[in-house]
Amino acid sequence: MPQIRPVSDLRNSFAEISRIVHETSEPVYLTKNGYGDMVVMSIEAYERKLFESEIYLKLKEAEMEAKSTDVRYSHEEVFSDLRARLADKAGENNV
C-alpha cells in the first residue's frame, strides 16, 4: 500500500519518512493542498528504477529492430562476438 503524506511532513517528520523509504524501498508520495506534488525515495530505489527503465528501453529497442529485419543470431554467434569484444577491450586496457 503506498504511503501518501502531506508535503509538510518533510519538515515535521523527515526522520520518519527517511526511515520508511529506506526500510521498505518504496516511495512516499507527498501531497500539497490535497493533490499529488512529489515523490520521495531512497537513492538505492531510485537507481534500481533507473536501471529497470534502461533495461526496458533496450528491450523495446531490440523488439523494434527485430520487427524491422529478418536477421536473427544464434546465442553462439552473440556470445562469440561478446567474447571477442571483451578480449579486445581487455587488450586495450593492458597496453
PDB file of N, CA and C in Angstrom:
ATOM      1  N   MET A   1       0.857  -1.176   0.000  1.00  0.00           N
ATOM      2  CA  MET A   1       0.000   0.000   0.000  1.00  0.00           C
ATOM      3  C   MET A   1       0.904   1.240   0.000  1.00  0.00           C
ATOM      4  N   PRO A   2       0.681   2.139  -0.924  1.00  0.00           N
ATOM      5  CA  PRO A   2       1.559   3.308  -0.994  1.00  0.00           C
ATOM      6  C   PRO A   2       1.379   4.241   0.200  1.00  0.00           C
ATOM      7  N   GLN A   3       2.499   4.839   0.606  1.00  0.00           N
ATOM      8  CA  GLN A   3       2.474   5.848   1.668  1.00  0.00           C
ATOM      9  C   GLN A   3       2.190   7.196   1.030  1.00  0.00           C
ATOM     10  N   ILE A   4       1.145   7.861   1.485  1.00  0.00           N
ATOM     11  CA  ILE A   4       0.792   9.192   0.989  1.00  0.00           C
ATOM     12  C   ILE A   4       0.774  10.129   2.180  1.00  0.00           C
ATOM     13  N   ARG A   5       1.581  11.177   2.102  1.00  0.00           N
ATOM     14  CA  ARG A   5       1.740  12.094   3.225  1.00  0.00           C
ATOM     15  C   ARG A   5       1.670  13.529   2.711  1.00  0.00           C
ATOM     16  N   PRO A   6       1.280  14.470   3.575  1.00  0.00           N
ATOM     17  CA  PRO A   6       1.338  15.887   3.177  1.00  0.00           C
ATOM     18  C   PRO A   6       2.792  16.334   3.080  1.00  0.00           C
ATOM     19  N   VAL A   7       3.077  17.245   2.181  1.00  0.00           N
ATOM     20  CA  VAL A   7       4.439  17.720   1.963  1.00  0.00           C
ATOM     21  C   VAL A   7       5.022  18.347   3.235  1.00  0.00           C
ATOM     22  N   SER A   8       4.188  18.847   4.109  1.00  0.00           N
ATOM     23  CA  SER A   8       4.671  19.429   5.371  1.00  0.00           C
ATOM     24  C   SER A   8       5.377  18.386   6.242  1.00  0.00           C
ATOM     25  N   ASP A   9       5.088  17.090   6.018  1.00  0.00           N
ATOM     26  CA  ASP A   9       5.762  16.045   6.782  1.00  0.00           C
ATOM     27  C   ASP A   9       7.258  15.982   6.479  1.00  0.00           C
ATOM     28  N   LEU A  10       7.686  16.535   5.350  1.00  0.00           N
ATOM     29  CA  LEU A  10       9.123  16.587   5.079  1.00  0.00           C
ATOM     30  C   LEU A  10       9.828  17.412   6.151  1.00  0.00           C
ATOM     31  N   ARG A  11       9.194  18.463   6.561  1.00  0.00           N
ATOM     32  CA  ARG A  11       9.774  19.332   7.601  1.00  0.00           C
ATOM     33  C   ARG A  11       9.517  18.761   8.986  1.00  0.00           C
ATOM     34  N   ASN A  12       8.298  18.324   9.220  1.00  0.00           N
ATOM     35  CA  ASN A  12       7.898  17.896  10.563  1.00  0.00           C
ATOM     36  C   ASN A  12       8.290  16.465  10.916  1.00  0.00           C
ATOM     37  N   SER A  13       8.394  15.588   9.912  1.00  0.00           N
ATOM     38  CA  SER A  13       8.649  14.164  10.175  1.00  0.00           C
ATOM     39  C   SER A  13       9.683  13.595   9.209  1.00  0.00           C
ATOM     40  N   PHE A  14      10.713  14.370   8.939  1.00  0.00           N
ATOM     41  CA  PHE A  14      11.714  13.942   7.960  1.00  0.00           C
ATOM     42  C   PHE A  14      12.340  12.593   8.330  1.00  0.00           C
ATOM     43  N   ALA A  15      12.728  12.423   9.581  1.00  0.00           N
ATOM     44  CA  ALA A  15      13.376  11.180  10.011  1.00  0.00           C
ATOM     45  C   ALA A  15      12.467   9.977   9.773  1.00  0.00           C
ATOM     46  N   GLU A  16      11.183  10.144  10.034  1.00  0.00           N
ATOM     47  CA  GLU A  16      10.232   9.045   9.824  1.00  0.00           C
ATOM     48  C   GLU A  16      10.099   8.710   8.337  1.00  0.00           C
ATOM     49  N   ILE A  17       9.999   9.729   7.501  1.00  0.00           N
ATOM     50  CA  ILE A  17       9.892   9.497   6.063  1.00  0.00           C
ATOM     51  C   ILE A  17      11.164   8.828   5.552  1.00  0.00           C
ATOM     52  N   SER A  18      12.307   9.292   6.012  1.00  0.00           N
ATOM     53  CA  SER A  18      13.581   8.687   5.617  1.00  0.00           C
ATOM     54  C   SER A  18      13.620   7.213   6.010  1.00  0.00           C
ATOM     55  N   ARG A  19      13.189   6.917   7.208  1.00  0.00           N
ATOM     56  CA  ARG A  19      13.164   5.530   7.682  1.00  0.00           C
ATOM     57  C   ARG A  19      12.255   4.675   6.798  1.00  0.00           C
ATOM     58  N   ILE A  20      11.083   5.200   6.464  1.00  0.00           N
ATOM     59  CA  ILE A  20      10.118   4.457   5.644  1.00  0.00           C
ATOM     60  C   ILE A  20      10.701   4.122   4.280  1.00  0.00           C
ATOM     61  N   VAL A  21      11.280   5.130   3.589  1.00  0.00           N
ATOM     62  CA  VAL A  21      11.783   4.870   2.237  1.00  0.00           C
ATOM     63  C   VAL A  21      12.972   3.923   2.240  1.00  0.00           C
ATOM     64  N   HIS A  22      13.775   3.949   3.314  1.00  0.00           N
ATOM     65  CA  HIS A  22      14.920   3.046   3.369  1.00  0.00           C
ATOM     66  C   HIS A  22      14.532   1.634   3.792  1.00  0.00           C
ATOM     67  N   GLU A  23      13.623   1.511   4.717  1.00  0.00           N
ATOM     68  CA  GLU A  23      13.228   0.181   5.198  1.00  0.00           C
ATOM     69  C   GLU A  23      12.352  -0.563   4.200  1.00  0.00           C
ATOM     70  N   THR A  24      11.476   0.158   3.521  1.00  0.00           N
ATOM     71  CA  THR A  24      10.537  -0.508   2.617  1.00  0.00           C
ATOM     72  C   THR A  24      11.012  -0.522   1.170  1.00  0.00           C
ATOM     73  N   SER A  25      11.972   0.326   0.824  1.00  0.00           N
ATOM     74  CA  SER A  25      12.423   0.508  -0.569  1.00  0.00           C
ATOM     75  C   SER A  25      11.281   0.973  -1.470  1.00  0.00           C
ATOM     76  N   GLU A  26      10.252   1.504  -0.868  1.00  0.00           N
ATOM     77  CA  GLU A  26       9.106   2.026  -1.609  1.00  0.00           C
ATOM     78  C   GLU A  26       9.087   3.548  -1.495  1.00  0.00           C
ATOM     79  N   PRO A  27       8.551   4.228  -2.501  1.00  0.00           N
ATOM     80  CA  PRO A  27       8.482   5.689  -2.429  1.00  0.00           C
ATOM     81  C   PRO A  27       7.380   6.164  -1.490  1.00  0.00           C
ATOM     82  N   VAL A  28       7.521   7.387  -1.028  1.00  0.00           N
ATOM     83  CA  VAL A  28       6.473   8.065  -0.269  1.00  0.00           C
ATOM     84  C   VAL A  28       5.954   9.185  -1.161  1.00  0.00           C
ATOM     85  N   TYR A  29       4.662   9.206  -1.395  1.00  0.00           N
ATOM     86  CA  TYR A  29       4.024  10.218  -2.234  1.00  0.00           C
ATOM     87  C   TYR A  29       3.625  11.391  -1.352  1.00  0.00           C
ATOM     88  N   LEU A  30       3.996  12.588  -1.770  1.00  0.00           N
ATOM     89  CA  LEU A  30       3.694  13.782  -0.991  1.00  0.00           C
ATOM     90  C   LEU A  30       2.641  14.624  -1.704  1.00  0.00           C
ATOM     91  N   THR A  31       1.715  15.134  -0.911  1.00  0.00           N
ATOM     92  CA  THR A  31       0.636  15.957  -1.465  1.00  0.00           C
ATOM     93  C   THR A  31       0.769  17.392  -0.993  1.00  0.00           C
ATOM     94  N   LYS A  32       0.245  18.291  -1.795  1.00  0.00           N
ATOM     95  CA  LYS A  32       0.194  19.713  -1.449  1.00  0.00           C
ATOM     96  C   LYS A  32      -1.231  20.178  -1.739  1.00  0.00           C
ATOM     97  N   ASN A  33      -1.878  20.671  -0.718  1.00  0.00           N
ATOM     98  CA  ASN A  33      -3.280  21.092  -0.844  1.00  0.00           C
ATOM     99  C   ASN A  33      -4.171  19.972  -1.369  1.00  0.00           C
ATOM    100  N   GLY A  34      -3.856  18.750  -0.947  1.00  0.00           N
ATOM    101  CA  GLY A  34      -4.689  17.606  -1.312  1.00  0.00           C
ATOM    102  C   GLY A  34      -4.393  16.996  -2.671  1.00  0.00           C
ATOM    103  N   TYR A  35      -3.420  17.512  -3.397  1.00  0.00           N
ATOM    104  CA  TYR A  35      -3.082  16.998  -4.724  1.00  0.00           C
ATOM    105  C   TYR A  35      -1.644  16.477  -4.730  1.00  0.00           C
ATOM    106  N   GLY A  36      -1.402  15.458  -5.542  1.00  0.00           N
ATOM    107  CA  GLY A  36      -0.061  14.921  -5.656  1.00  0.00           C
ATOM    108  C   GLY A  36       0.929  16.000  -6.059  1.00  0.00           C
ATOM    109  N   ASP A  37       2.070  16.046  -5.380  1.00  0.00           N
ATOM    110  CA  ASP A  37       3.056  17.087  -5.662  1.00  0.00           C
ATOM    111  C   ASP A  37       4.423  16.510  -5.988  1.00  0.00           C
ATOM    112  N   MET A  38       4.887  15.525  -5.211  1.00  0.00           N
ATOM    113  CA  MET A  38       6.199  14.936  -5.469  1.00  0.00           C
ATOM    114  C   MET A  38       6.299  13.569  -4.820  1.00  0.00           C
ATOM    115  N   VAL A  39       7.413  12.896  -5.136  1.00  0.00           N
ATOM    116  CA  VAL A  39       7.679  11.561  -4.610  1.00  0.00           C
ATOM    117  C   VAL A  39       9.063  11.569  -3.985  1.00  0.00           C
ATOM    118  N   VAL A  40       9.192  10.930  -2.826  1.00  0.00           N
ATOM    119  CA  VAL A  40      10.485  10.801  -2.153  1.00  0.00           C
ATOM    120  C   VAL A  40      10.822   9.314  -2.113  1.00  0.00           C
ATOM    121  N   MET A  41      12.059   8.999  -2.503  1.00  0.00           N
ATOM    122  CA  MET A  41      12.508   7.606  -2.446  1.00  0.00           C
ATOM    123  C   MET A  41      13.988   7.569  -2.105  1.00  0.00           C
ATOM    124  N   SER A  42      14.447   6.417  -1.652  1.00  0.00           N
ATOM    125  CA  SER A  42      15.867   6.266  -1.327  1.00  0.00           C
ATOM    126  C   SER A  42      16.682   6.282  -2.613  1.00  0.00           C
ATOM    127  N   ILE A  43      17.949   6.597  -2.490  1.00  0.00           N
ATOM    128  CA  ILE A  43      18.832   6.595  -3.656  1.00  0.00           C
ATOM    129  C   ILE A  43      18.899   5.197  -4.258  1.00  0.00           C
ATOM    130  N   GLU A  44      18.953   4.181  -3.416  1.00  0.00           N
ATOM    131  CA  GLU A  44      19.023   2.813  -3.913  1.00  0.00           C
ATOM    132  C   GLU A  44      17.791   2.470  -4.745  1.00  0.00           C
ATOM    133  N   ALA A  45      16.616   2.841  -4.260  1.00  0.00           N
ATOM    134  CA  ALA A  45      15.384   2.564  -5.003  1.00  0.00           C
ATOM    135  C   ALA A  45      15.357   3.357  -6.308  1.00  0.00           C
ATOM    136  N   TYR A  46      15.823   4.594  -6.269  1.00  0.00           N
ATOM    137  CA  TYR A  46      15.864   5.426  -7.469  1.00  0.00           C
ATOM    138  C   TYR A  46      16.804   4.822  -8.513  1.00  0.00           C
ATOM    139  N   GLU A  47      17.994   4.413  -8.090  1.00  0.00           N
ATOM    140  CA  GLU A  47      18.953   3.818  -9.023  1.00  0.00           C
ATOM    141  C   GLU A  47      18.417   2.518  -9.605  1.00  0.00           C
ATOM    142  N   ARG A  48      17.711   1.733  -8.794  1.00  0.00           N
ATOM    143  CA  ARG A  48      17.105   0.494  -9.287  1.00  0.00           C
ATOM    144  C   ARG A  48      16.058   0.804 -10.351  1.00  0.00           C
ATOM    145  N   LYS A  49      15.255   1.832 -10.116  1.00  0.00           N
ATOM    146  CA  LYS A  49      14.242   2.239 -11.110  1.00  0.00           C
ATOM    147  C   LYS A  49      14.900   2.689 -12.408  1.00  0.00           C
ATOM    148  N   LEU A  50      15.991   3.459 -12.301  1.00  0.00           N
ATOM    149  CA  LEU A  50      16.711   3.886 -13.499  1.00  0.00           C
ATOM    150  C   LEU A  50      17.238   2.685 -14.270  1.00  0.00           C
ATOM    151  N   PHE A  51      17.820   1.731 -13.552  1.00  0.00           N
ATOM    152  CA  PHE A  51      18.354   0.528 -14.179  1.00  0.00           C
ATOM    153  C   PHE A  51      17.244  -0.248 -14.886  1.00  0.00           C
ATOM    154  N   GLU A  52      16.106  -0.425 -14.212  1.00  0.00           N
ATOM    155  CA  GLU A  52      14.982  -1.142 -14.803  1.00  0.00           C
ATOM    156  C   GLU A  52      14.455  -0.409 -16.030  1.00  0.00           C
ATOM    157  N   SER A  53      14.418   0.916 -15.982  1.00  0.00           N
ATOM    158  CA  SER A  53      13.967   1.706 -17.126  1.00  0.00           C
ATOM    159  C   SER A  53      14.914   1.544 -18.299  1.00  0.00           C
ATOM    160  N   GLU A  54      16.216   1.539 -18.009  1.00  0.00           N
ATOM    161  CA  GLU A  54      17.206   1.375 -19.073  1.00  0.00           C
ATOM    162  C   GLU A  54      17.071   0.010 -19.729  1.00  0.00           C
ATOM    163  N   ILE A  55      16.879  -1.026 -18.921  1.00  0.00           N
ATOM    164  CA  ILE A  55      16.696  -2.370 -19.468  1.00  0.00           C
ATOM    165  C   ILE A  55      15.433  -2.413 -20.326  1.00  0.00           C
ATOM    166  N   TYR A  56      14.351  -1.825 -19.832  1.00  0.00           N
ATOM    167  CA  TYR A  56      13.094  -1.806 -20.575  1.00  0.00           C
ATOM    168  C   TYR A  56      13.283  -1.115 -21.923  1.00  0.00           C
ATOM    169  N   LEU A  57      13.967   0.034 -21.932  1.00  0.00           N
ATOM    170  CA  LEU A  57      14.187   0.755 -23.185  1.00  0.00           C
ATOM    171  C   LEU A  57      15.034  -0.060 -24.158  1.00  0.00           C
ATOM    172  N   LYS A  58      16.050  -0.738 -23.643  1.00  0.00           N
ATOM    173  CA  LYS A  58      16.896  -1.573 -24.510  1.00  0.00           C
ATOM    174  C   LYS A  58      16.092  -2.744 -25.084  1.00  0.00           C
ATOM    175  N   LEU A  59      15.222  -3.340 -24.280  1.00  0.00           N
ATOM    176  CA  LEU A  59      14.392  -4.428 -24.778  1.00  0.00           C
ATOM    177  C   LEU A  59      13.402  -3.936 -25.828  1.00  0.00           C
ATOM    178  N   LYS A  60      12.832  -2.754 -25.608  1.00  0.00           N
ATOM    179  CA  LYS A  60      11.912  -2.168 -26.588  1.00  0.00           C
ATOM    180  C   LYS A  60      12.640  -1.895 -27.896  1.00  0.00           C
ATOM    181  N   GLU A  61      13.856  -1.360 -27.791  1.00  0.00           N
ATOM    182  CA  GLU A  61      14.672  -1.082 -28.972  1.00  0.00           C
ATOM    183  C   GLU A  61      14.955  -2.374 -29.734  1.00  0.00           C
ATOM    184  N   ALA A  62      15.312  -3.424 -29.012  1.00  0.00           N
ATOM    185  CA  ALA A  62      15.588  -4.713 -29.644  1.00  0.00           C
ATOM    186  C   ALA A  62      14.335  -5.278 -30.307  1.00  0.00           C
ATOM    187  N   GLU A  63      13.205  -5.117 -29.650  1.00  0.00           N
ATOM    188  CA  GLU A  63      11.939  -5.600 -30.216  1.00  0.00           C
ATOM    189  C   GLU A  63      11.607  -4.872 -31.516  1.00  0.00           C
ATOM    190  N   MET A  64      11.803  -3.555 -31.523  1.00  0.00           N
ATOM    191  CA  MET A  64      11.526  -2.776 -32.730  1.00  0.00           C
ATOM    192  C   MET A  64      12.475  -3.165 -33.865  1.00  0.00           C
ATOM    193  N   GLU A  65      13.739  -3.379 -33.527  1.00  0.00           N
ATOM    194  CA  GLU A  65      14.708  -3.794 -34.542  1.00  0.00           C
ATOM    195  C   GLU A  65      14.357  -5.171 -35.084  1.00  0.00           C
ATOM    196  N   ALA A  66      13.940  -6.079 -34.208  1.00  0.00           N
ATOM    197  CA  ALA A  66      13.563  -7.427 -34.639  1.00  0.00           C
ATOM    198  C   ALA A  66      12.379  -7.388 -35.601  1.00  0.00           C
ATOM    199  N   LYS A  67      11.462  -6.459 -35.380  1.00  0.00           N
ATOM    200  CA  LYS A  67      10.305  -6.339 -36.267  1.00  0.00           C
ATOM    201  C   LYS A  67      10.681  -5.775 -37.634  1.00  0.00           C
ATOM    202  N   SER A  68      11.788  -5.022 -37.682  1.00  0.00           N
ATOM    203  CA  SER A  68      12.158  -4.347 -38.932  1.00  0.00           C
ATOM    204  C   SER A  68      13.116  -5.163 -39.793  1.00  0.00           C
ATOM    205  N   THR A  69      13.562  -6.321 -39.326  1.00  0.00           N
ATOM    206  CA  THR A  69      14.505  -7.129 -40.097  1.00  0.00           C
ATOM    207  C   THR A  69      14.256  -8.612 -39.859  1.00  0.00           C
ATOM    208  N   ASP A  70      14.689  -9.409 -40.813  1.00  0.00           N
ATOM    209  CA  ASP A  70      14.562 -10.856 -40.673  1.00  0.00           C
ATOM    210  C   ASP A  70      15.864 -11.487 -40.178  1.00  0.00           C
ATOM    211  N   VAL A  71      16.886 -10.670 -39.939  1.00  0.00           N
ATOM    212  CA  VAL A  71      18.171 -11.178 -39.486  1.00  0.00           C
ATOM    213  C   VAL A  71      18.049 -11.657 -38.049  1.00  0.00           C
ATOM    214  N   ARG A  72      18.508 -12.884 -37.809  1.00  0.00           N
ATOM    215  CA  ARG A  72      18.486 -13.446 -36.469  1.00  0.00           C
ATOM    216  C   ARG A  72      19.863 -14.031 -36.172  1.00  0.00           C
ATOM    217  N   TYR A  73      20.265 -13.997 -34.912  1.00  0.00           N
ATOM    218  CA  TYR A  73      21.558 -14.521 -34.498  1.00  0.00           C
ATOM    219  C   TYR A  73      21.343 -15.615 -33.455  1.00  0.00           C
ATOM    220  N   SER A  74      22.168 -16.647 -33.554  1.00  0.00           N
ATOM    221  CA  SER A  74      22.107 -17.702 -32.542  1.00  0.00           C
ATOM    222  C   SER A  74      22.834 -17.215 -31.293  1.00  0.00           C
ATOM    223  N   HIS A  75      22.595 -17.876 -30.177  1.00  0.00           N
ATOM    224  CA  HIS A  75      23.287 -17.458 -28.962  1.00  0.00           C
ATOM    225  C   HIS A  75      24.787 -17.694 -29.092  1.00  0.00           C
ATOM    226  N   GLU A  76      25.205 -18.701 -29.881  1.00  0.00           N
ATOM    227  CA  GLU A  76      26.634 -18.920 -30.107  1.00  0.00           C
ATOM    228  C   GLU A  76      27.263 -17.715 -30.805  1.00  0.00           C
ATOM    229  N   GLU A  77      26.575 -17.174 -31.812  1.00  0.00           N
ATOM    230  CA  GLU A  77      27.089 -16.009 -32.544  1.00  0.00           C
ATOM    231  C   GLU A  77      27.173 -14.785 -31.627  1.00  0.00           C
ATOM    232  N   VAL A  78      26.145 -14.577 -30.830  1.00  0.00           N
ATOM    233  CA  VAL A  78      26.111 -13.418 -29.945  1.00  0.00           C
ATOM    234  C   VAL A  78      27.218 -13.503 -28.906  1.00  0.00           C
ATOM    235  N   PHE A  79      27.344 -14.655 -28.255  1.00  0.00           N
ATOM    236  CA  PHE A  79      28.355 -14.786 -27.197  1.00  0.00           C
ATOM    237  C   PHE A  79      29.770 -14.795 -27.765  1.00  0.00           C
ATOM    238  N   SER A  80      29.946 -15.343 -28.952  1.00  0.00           N
ATOM    239  CA  SER A  80      31.254 -15.306 -29.599  1.00  0.00           C
ATOM    240  C   SER A  80      31.664 -13.863 -29.869  1.00  0.00           C
ATOM    241  N   ASP A  81      30.732 -13.068 -30.372  1.00  0.00           N
ATOM    242  CA  ASP A  81      31.006 -11.647 -30.625  1.00  0.00           C
ATOM    243  C   ASP A  81      31.307 -10.902 -29.320  1.00  0.00           C
ATOM    244  N   LEU A  82      30.533 -11.184 -28.282  1.00  0.00           N
ATOM    245  CA  LEU A  82      30.770 -10.528 -26.991  1.00  0.00           C
ATOM    246  C   LEU A  82      32.139 -10.895 -26.421  1.00  0.00           C
ATOM    247  N   ARG A  83      32.484 -12.179 -26.518  1.00  0.00           N
ATOM    248  CA  ARG A  83      33.804 -12.594 -26.012  1.00  0.00           C
ATOM    249  C   ARG A  83      34.926 -11.895 -26.766  1.00  0.00           C
ATOM    250  N   ALA A  84      34.782 -11.777 -28.075  1.00  0.00           N
ATOM    251  CA  ALA A  84      35.806 -11.104 -28.883  1.00  0.00           C
ATOM    252  C   ALA A  84      35.917  -9.630 -28.493  1.00  0.00           C
ATOM    253  N   ARG A  85      34.779  -8.989 -28.288  1.00  0.00           N
ATOM    254  CA  ARG A  85      34.801  -7.573 -27.878  1.00  0.00           C
ATOM    255  C   ARG A  85      35.439  -7.404 -26.506  1.00  0.00           C
ATOM    256  N   LEU A  86      35.114  -8.297 -25.580  1.00  0.00           N
ATOM    257  CA  LEU A  86      35.711  -8.226 -24.246  1.00  0.00           C
ATOM    258  C   LEU A  86      37.215  -8.461 -24.304  1.00  0.00           C
ATOM    259  N   ALA A  87      37.630  -9.403 -25.129  1.00  0.00           N
ATOM    260  CA  ALA A  87      39.072  -9.673 -25.273  1.00  0.00           C
ATOM    261  C   ALA A  87      39.778  -8.453 -25.860  1.00  0.00           C
ATOM    262  N   ASP A  88      39.170  -7.822 -26.853  1.00  0.00           N
ATOM    263  CA  ASP A  88      39.747  -6.602 -27.431  1.00  0.00           C
ATOM    264  C   ASP A  88      39.849  -5.503 -26.387  1.00  0.00           C
ATOM    265  N   LYS A  89      38.800  -5.350 -25.600  1.00  0.00           N
ATOM    266  CA  LYS A  89      38.765  -4.324 -24.556  1.00  0.00           C
ATOM    267  C   LYS A  89      39.838  -4.595 -23.496  1.00  0.00           C
ATOM    268  N   ALA A  90      39.976  -5.866 -23.111  1.00  0.00           N
ATOM    269  CA  ALA A  90      40.992  -6.232 -22.131  1.00  0.00           C
ATOM    270  C   ALA A  90      42.380  -5.967 -22.687  1.00  0.00           C
ATOM    271  N   GLY A  91      42.581  -6.232 -23.975  1.00  0.00           N
ATOM    272  CA  GLY A  91      43.862  -5.942 -24.604  1.00  0.00           C
ATOM    273  C   GLY A  91      44.171  -4.467 -24.645  1.00  0.00           C
ATOM    274  N   GLU A  92      43.160  -3.631 -24.859  1.00  0.00           N
ATOM    275  CA  GLU A  92      43.334  -2.177 -24.865  1.00  0.00           C
ATOM    276  C   GLU A  92      43.739  -1.675 -23.488  1.00  0.00           C
ATOM    277  N   ASN A  93      43.158  -2.257 -22.447  1.00  0.00           N
ATOM    278  CA  ASN A  93      43.442  -1.826 -21.079  1.00  0.00           C
ATOM    279  C   ASN A  93      44.838  -2.243 -20.617  1.00  0.00           C
ATOM    280  N   ASN A  94      45.403  -3.279 -21.224  1.00  0.00           N
ATOM    281  CA  ASN A  94      46.719  -3.765 -20.828  1.00  0.00           C
ATOM    282  C   ASN A  94      47.855  -3.059 -21.582  1.00  0.00           C
ATOM    283  N   VAL A  95      47.501  -2.234 -22.534  1.00  0.00           N
ATOM    284  CA  VAL A  95      48.525  -1.532 -23.318  1.00  0.00           C
ATOM    285  C   VAL A  95      49.009  -0.303 -22.601  1.00  0.00           C
TER     286      VAL A  95
END
